[in-house]
Amino acid sequence: MSGASRFSLARRLRAGDTVFSAWCGLPAPLVVENVARAGFTAAVIDQQHGLWDTAATLQAIAGIHHAGAAPIVRVPLNDFAGAARVLDFGAEGVIAPMINSAADARAFVAATKYPPLGERSVGAHRAAALAGFPDQRPYLKGANDTTLTMAMIETRAAMDNLDAIAGTPGIDMLFVGPSDLSMALTDGASLDPHSPDVEAALDRIVAACKKAGKIPGLFCIDADRAMATAKRGFKFLTVGSDLGFLRAGAAEQLAKLKA
């Protein structure tokens, strides 16, 4: 493809599609590739709480692409240099944790968007190849539109600054971490991602995204939660995790053996 990027996730989300993504913390490129081949539109490589190193992330991004899905990487806290690097590797989006203010959002954008939106450095040779370009110049022209900056909303401060974060030029998505948000909203007293406080916050986040023209995203524990919150306006929803799939599959087989 010489005229258009193979990267399609951003285009689909901006067109209003609802996208379901896998979530993978196990540092095994073949596992995430096969999870993607199951039919998920995207797959998230979790570097923050998962066990991924740079070499495995590089291999997994290519594997997800080859499986026909879009690779997303959640980088560790404040690792904006790493965010730029995984985009160079070919990620179609980056999730940054703990974006609590407009200043945090601007720093995220500065690292991940090319001028005039940001200050991302040129060197996306691998990303250009995966996008189907013979060199990086055509990739550079469209990268701000075809890659996604996904700012995590998971604290009281983020909720207080919701409109400012959503309104930051170059931020594409507000992605909710409901477990951390539940802890933050109860001052550490409760871990309940489906609590009334979190449910109310979700509605505020969808409204802020609608007002700013941004995409609402959410981490979901399972398909039922993803389907329910899609009806409430969320457009990018992760479903379970690779470890959860492994445990569920093993438990199902063992239950049959013990029946």
Protein backbone atom coordinates (compact mmCIF):
# COMPACT_ATOMS: atom_id res chain seq x y z
CA MET A 1 0.00 0.00 0.00
CA SER A 2 1.59 3.25 -1.10
CA GLY A 3 -1.26 5.71 -0.66
CA ALA A 4 -2.63 4.90 2.75
CA SER A 5 -1.45 3.43 6.01
CA ARG A 6 -2.46 -0.07 7.01
CA PHE A 7 -3.09 1.35 10.47
CA SER A 8 -6.88 1.52 10.80
CA LEU A 9 -7.78 1.59 14.50
CA ALA A 10 -7.86 5.38 14.82
CA ARG A 11 -9.95 5.70 11.69
CA ARG A 12 -12.48 3.15 12.90
CA LEU A 13 -12.83 4.76 16.31
CA ARG A 14 -13.20 8.25 14.87
CA ALA A 15 -15.88 6.91 12.56
CA GLY A 16 -17.85 5.84 15.63
CA ASP A 17 -17.12 2.11 15.63
CA THR A 18 -17.10 0.21 18.91
CA VAL A 19 -13.83 -1.71 19.28
CA PHE A 20 -13.13 -4.62 21.64
CA SER A 21 -9.53 -5.29 22.59
CA ALA A 22 -7.61 -8.02 24.37
CA TRP A 23 -5.31 -7.16 27.28
CA CYS A 24 -2.02 -9.00 27.71
CA GLY A 25 0.42 -8.90 30.60
CA LEU A 26 2.29 -12.17 30.08
CA PRO A 27 5.62 -11.48 28.30
CA ALA A 28 4.98 -13.94 25.48
CA PRO A 29 4.70 -12.58 21.93
CA LEU A 30 3.20 -15.85 20.63
CA VAL A 31 0.48 -15.69 23.28
CA VAL A 32 -0.59 -12.15 22.44
CA GLU A 33 -0.43 -12.92 18.71
CA ASN A 34 -2.73 -15.91 19.14
CA VAL A 35 -5.10 -13.94 21.35
CA ALA A 36 -5.26 -11.34 18.58
CA ARG A 37 -5.88 -14.07 16.00
CA ALA A 38 -8.95 -15.12 17.97
CA GLY A 39 -10.66 -12.08 16.48
CA PHE A 40 -10.01 -9.07 18.70
CA THR A 41 -9.70 -5.81 16.80
CA ALA A 42 -6.80 -4.73 19.01
CA ALA A 43 -4.51 -6.11 21.70
CA VAL A 44 -2.92 -4.17 24.55
CA ILE A 45 0.62 -4.99 25.68
CA ASP A 46 0.76 -3.96 29.35
CA GLN A 47 4.24 -2.76 30.24
CA GLN A 48 3.09 -1.01 33.42
CA HIS A 49 1.86 -3.96 35.45
CA GLY A 50 2.65 -6.74 32.99
CA LEU A 51 6.05 -8.40 32.57
CA TRP A 52 7.02 -7.09 29.14
CA ASP A 53 10.55 -5.97 28.29
CA THR A 54 11.62 -4.03 25.21
CA ALA A 55 12.63 -7.01 23.07
CA ALA A 56 9.40 -8.90 23.72
CA THR A 57 7.33 -5.76 23.08
CA LEU A 58 9.02 -5.19 19.73
CA GLN A 59 8.30 -8.77 18.66
CA ALA A 60 4.73 -8.71 19.97
CA ILE A 61 3.82 -5.51 18.12
CA ALA A 62 4.77 -7.14 14.83
CA GLY A 63 2.93 -10.34 15.76
CA ILE A 64 -0.28 -8.45 16.51
CA HIS A 65 -0.03 -6.65 13.18
CA HIS A 66 0.52 -9.94 11.36
CA ALA A 67 -2.56 -11.33 13.14
CA GLY A 68 -4.63 -8.53 11.60
CA ALA A 69 -5.16 -6.57 14.81
CA ALA A 70 -3.95 -3.23 16.13
CA PRO A 71 -1.20 -3.21 18.78
CA ILE A 72 -1.59 -0.86 21.74
CA VAL A 73 1.00 -0.47 24.50
CA ARG A 74 0.40 0.72 28.04
CA VAL A 75 3.70 2.22 29.11
CA PRO A 76 4.94 2.55 32.71
CA LEU A 77 4.19 5.65 34.77
CA ASN A 78 5.77 8.84 33.36
CA ASP A 79 7.59 6.90 30.64
CA PHE A 80 6.92 9.33 27.82
CA ALA A 81 10.24 8.44 26.18
CA GLY A 82 9.05 4.84 26.12
CA ALA A 83 5.73 5.97 24.66
CA ALA A 84 7.50 7.51 21.68
CA ARG A 85 9.64 4.41 21.28
CA VAL A 86 6.77 1.93 21.09
CA LEU A 87 5.16 4.12 18.43
CA ASP A 88 8.43 3.84 16.50
CA PHE A 89 8.12 0.06 16.92
CA GLY A 90 4.70 0.19 15.20
CA ALA A 91 2.15 0.56 17.99
CA GLU A 92 -1.07 2.16 16.81
CA GLY A 93 -1.75 3.64 20.22
CA VAL A 94 -0.21 4.31 23.61
CA ILE A 95 -1.97 4.24 26.97
CA ALA A 96 -0.28 6.50 29.53
CA PRO A 97 -1.20 5.96 33.20
CA MET A 98 -1.96 8.68 35.75
CA ILE A 99 -2.66 11.60 33.44
CA ASN A 100 -3.89 13.92 36.17
CA SER A 101 -3.72 17.39 34.66
CA ALA A 102 -3.53 19.38 31.47
CA ALA A 103 0.22 19.65 32.04
CA ASP A 104 0.50 15.84 32.15
CA ALA A 105 -1.57 15.61 28.98
CA ARG A 106 0.62 18.16 27.19
CA ALA A 107 3.77 16.26 28.17
CA PHE A 108 2.24 13.05 26.82
CA VAL A 109 1.32 14.74 23.54
CA ALA A 110 4.74 16.36 23.23
CA ALA A 111 6.40 12.93 23.23
CA THR A 112 3.93 11.12 20.97
CA LYS A 113 2.77 13.59 18.32
CA TYR A 114 4.86 15.19 15.59
CA PRO A 115 4.87 18.97 15.10
CA PRO A 116 2.79 21.07 15.18
CA LEU A 117 0.94 19.13 17.92
CA GLY A 118 3.99 17.76 19.69
CA GLU A 119 7.73 17.22 19.56
CA ARG A 120 8.05 13.54 18.68
CA SER A 121 11.45 12.77 17.24
CA VAL A 122 11.81 11.33 13.74
CA GLY A 123 12.90 7.68 13.51
CA ALA A 124 9.85 5.52 12.84
CA HIS A 125 11.42 3.13 10.33
CA ARG A 126 9.83 -0.02 11.80
CA ALA A 127 6.45 1.64 12.16
CA ALA A 128 6.59 2.78 8.54
CA ALA A 129 7.33 -0.75 7.38
CA LEU A 130 4.43 -2.21 9.36
CA ALA A 131 2.16 0.53 8.05
CA GLY A 132 3.05 -0.54 4.50
CA PHE A 133 5.31 2.31 3.46
CA PRO A 134 8.70 1.99 1.72
CA ASP A 135 10.18 4.69 3.98
CA GLN A 136 9.08 6.79 6.92
CA ARG A 137 8.16 10.01 5.11
CA PRO A 138 4.57 9.05 4.21
CA TYR A 139 4.16 7.57 7.70
CA LEU A 140 5.27 10.86 9.24
CA LYS A 141 2.66 12.82 7.27
CA GLY A 142 -0.23 10.80 8.68
CA ALA A 143 1.06 9.56 12.02
CA ASN A 144 -0.68 12.19 14.15
CA ASP A 145 -4.01 10.98 12.78
CA THR A 146 -3.31 7.23 12.60
CA THR A 147 -1.83 6.75 16.09
CA LEU A 148 -3.75 7.28 19.31
CA THR A 149 -2.80 8.98 22.57
CA MET A 150 -4.88 7.36 25.30
CA ALA A 151 -4.77 9.26 28.61
CA MET A 152 -5.68 7.19 31.66
CA ILE A 153 -8.23 8.67 34.04
CA GLU A 154 -7.83 6.95 37.41
CA THR A 155 -7.49 9.56 40.18
CA ARG A 156 -9.42 12.32 41.93
CA ALA A 157 -7.09 14.87 40.36
CA ALA A 158 -7.87 13.55 36.89
CA MET A 159 -11.60 13.78 37.59
CA ASP A 160 -11.15 17.36 38.84
CA ASN A 161 -9.28 18.23 35.63
CA LEU A 162 -11.39 16.14 33.29
CA ASP A 163 -12.40 18.87 30.83
CA ALA A 164 -8.88 20.30 30.70
CA ILE A 165 -7.37 16.88 29.93
CA ALA A 166 -10.03 16.06 27.34
CA GLY A 167 -9.61 19.48 25.75
CA THR A 168 -5.84 19.16 25.34
CA PRO A 169 -4.98 19.19 21.62
CA GLY A 170 -3.41 15.88 20.63
CA ILE A 171 -5.14 13.77 23.28
CA ASP A 172 -7.31 11.29 21.39
CA MET A 173 -8.90 9.19 24.14
CA LEU A 174 -9.72 9.20 27.83
CA PHE A 175 -9.15 5.62 28.98
CA VAL A 176 -10.52 4.72 32.39
CA GLY A 177 -8.69 2.56 34.91
CA PRO A 178 -11.71 1.68 37.08
CA SER A 179 -9.88 -0.21 39.83
CA ASP A 180 -7.45 2.61 40.62
CA LEU A 181 -10.29 5.10 40.24
CA SER A 182 -12.34 3.21 42.81
CA MET A 183 -9.41 3.30 45.24
CA ALA A 184 -8.86 7.01 44.62
CA LEU A 185 -12.52 7.94 45.07
CA THR A 186 -12.67 6.13 48.44
CA ASP A 187 -9.24 7.28 49.67
CA GLY A 188 -8.01 3.70 49.52
CA ALA A 189 -10.91 2.20 51.47
CA SER A 190 -12.38 0.09 48.67
CA LEU A 191 -11.33 -1.70 45.51
CA ASP A 192 -14.57 -1.98 43.55
CA PRO A 193 -14.41 -1.06 39.84
CA HIS A 194 -18.21 -1.31 39.61
CA SER A 195 -19.05 0.85 42.65
CA PRO A 196 -21.69 3.62 42.46
CA ASP A 197 -18.92 6.23 42.65
CA VAL A 198 -17.15 4.71 39.65
CA GLU A 199 -20.41 4.33 37.73
CA ALA A 200 -21.12 8.05 38.22
CA ALA A 201 -17.58 8.92 37.16
CA LEU A 202 -17.97 6.88 33.97
CA ASP A 203 -20.95 8.97 32.93
CA ARG A 204 -18.97 12.16 33.54
CA ILE A 205 -16.08 10.84 31.45
CA VAL A 206 -18.31 9.93 28.52
CA ALA A 207 -19.87 13.40 28.69
CA ALA A 208 -16.44 15.08 28.76
CA CYS A 209 -15.34 13.06 25.73
CA LYS A 210 -18.48 13.97 23.84
CA LYS A 211 -18.00 17.66 24.65
CA ALA A 212 -14.35 17.63 23.51
CA GLY A 213 -14.82 15.31 20.54
CA LYS A 214 -12.61 12.62 22.07
CA ILE A 215 -12.99 8.82 22.35
CA PRO A 216 -14.03 7.20 25.65
CA GLY A 217 -12.26 3.96 26.58
CA LEU A 218 -12.53 1.56 29.52
CA PHE A 219 -10.81 -1.47 31.02
CA CYS A 220 -13.44 -4.21 31.50
CA ILE A 221 -13.17 -7.40 33.49
CA ASP A 222 -15.18 -9.45 31.01
CA ALA A 223 -17.38 -9.40 27.91
CA ASP A 224 -20.58 -8.73 29.85
CA ARG A 225 -19.11 -5.56 31.34
CA ALA A 226 -17.77 -4.50 27.94
CA MET A 227 -21.15 -4.94 26.26
CA ALA A 228 -22.97 -3.08 29.03
CA THR A 229 -20.64 -0.09 29.01
CA ALA A 230 -20.59 0.07 25.22
CA LYS A 231 -24.30 0.83 25.46
CA ARG A 232 -23.41 3.76 27.72
CA GLY A 233 -21.15 5.33 25.11
CA PHE A 234 -17.71 3.77 25.54
CA LYS A 235 -16.08 3.03 22.20
CA PHE A 236 -12.80 1.29 23.07
CA LEU A 237 -13.20 -1.53 25.57
CA THR A 238 -10.66 -4.06 26.72
CA VAL A 239 -12.03 -7.48 27.61
CA GLY A 240 -10.46 -9.61 30.34
CA SER A 241 -6.78 -10.55 30.10
CA ASP A 242 -4.52 -13.26 28.78
CA LEU A 243 -3.93 -14.54 32.31
CA GLY A 244 -7.66 -14.58 32.94
CA PHE A 245 -8.25 -16.52 29.71
CA LEU A 246 -5.57 -19.04 30.74
CA ARG A 247 -7.01 -19.52 34.21
CA ALA A 248 -10.57 -19.83 32.91
CA GLY A 249 -9.60 -22.38 30.28
CA ALA A 250 -7.62 -24.47 32.76
CA ALA A 251 -10.41 -24.30 35.35
CA GLU A 252 -13.01 -25.40 32.77
CA GLN A 253 -11.01 -28.47 31.77
CA LEU A 254 -10.21 -29.40 35.36
CA ALA A 255 -13.88 -29.09 36.33
CA LYS A 256 -14.76 -31.60 33.61
CA LEU A 257 -12.04 -33.99 34.78
CA LYS A 258 -13.32 -33.83 38.35
CA ALA A 259 -17.02 -34.11 37.44
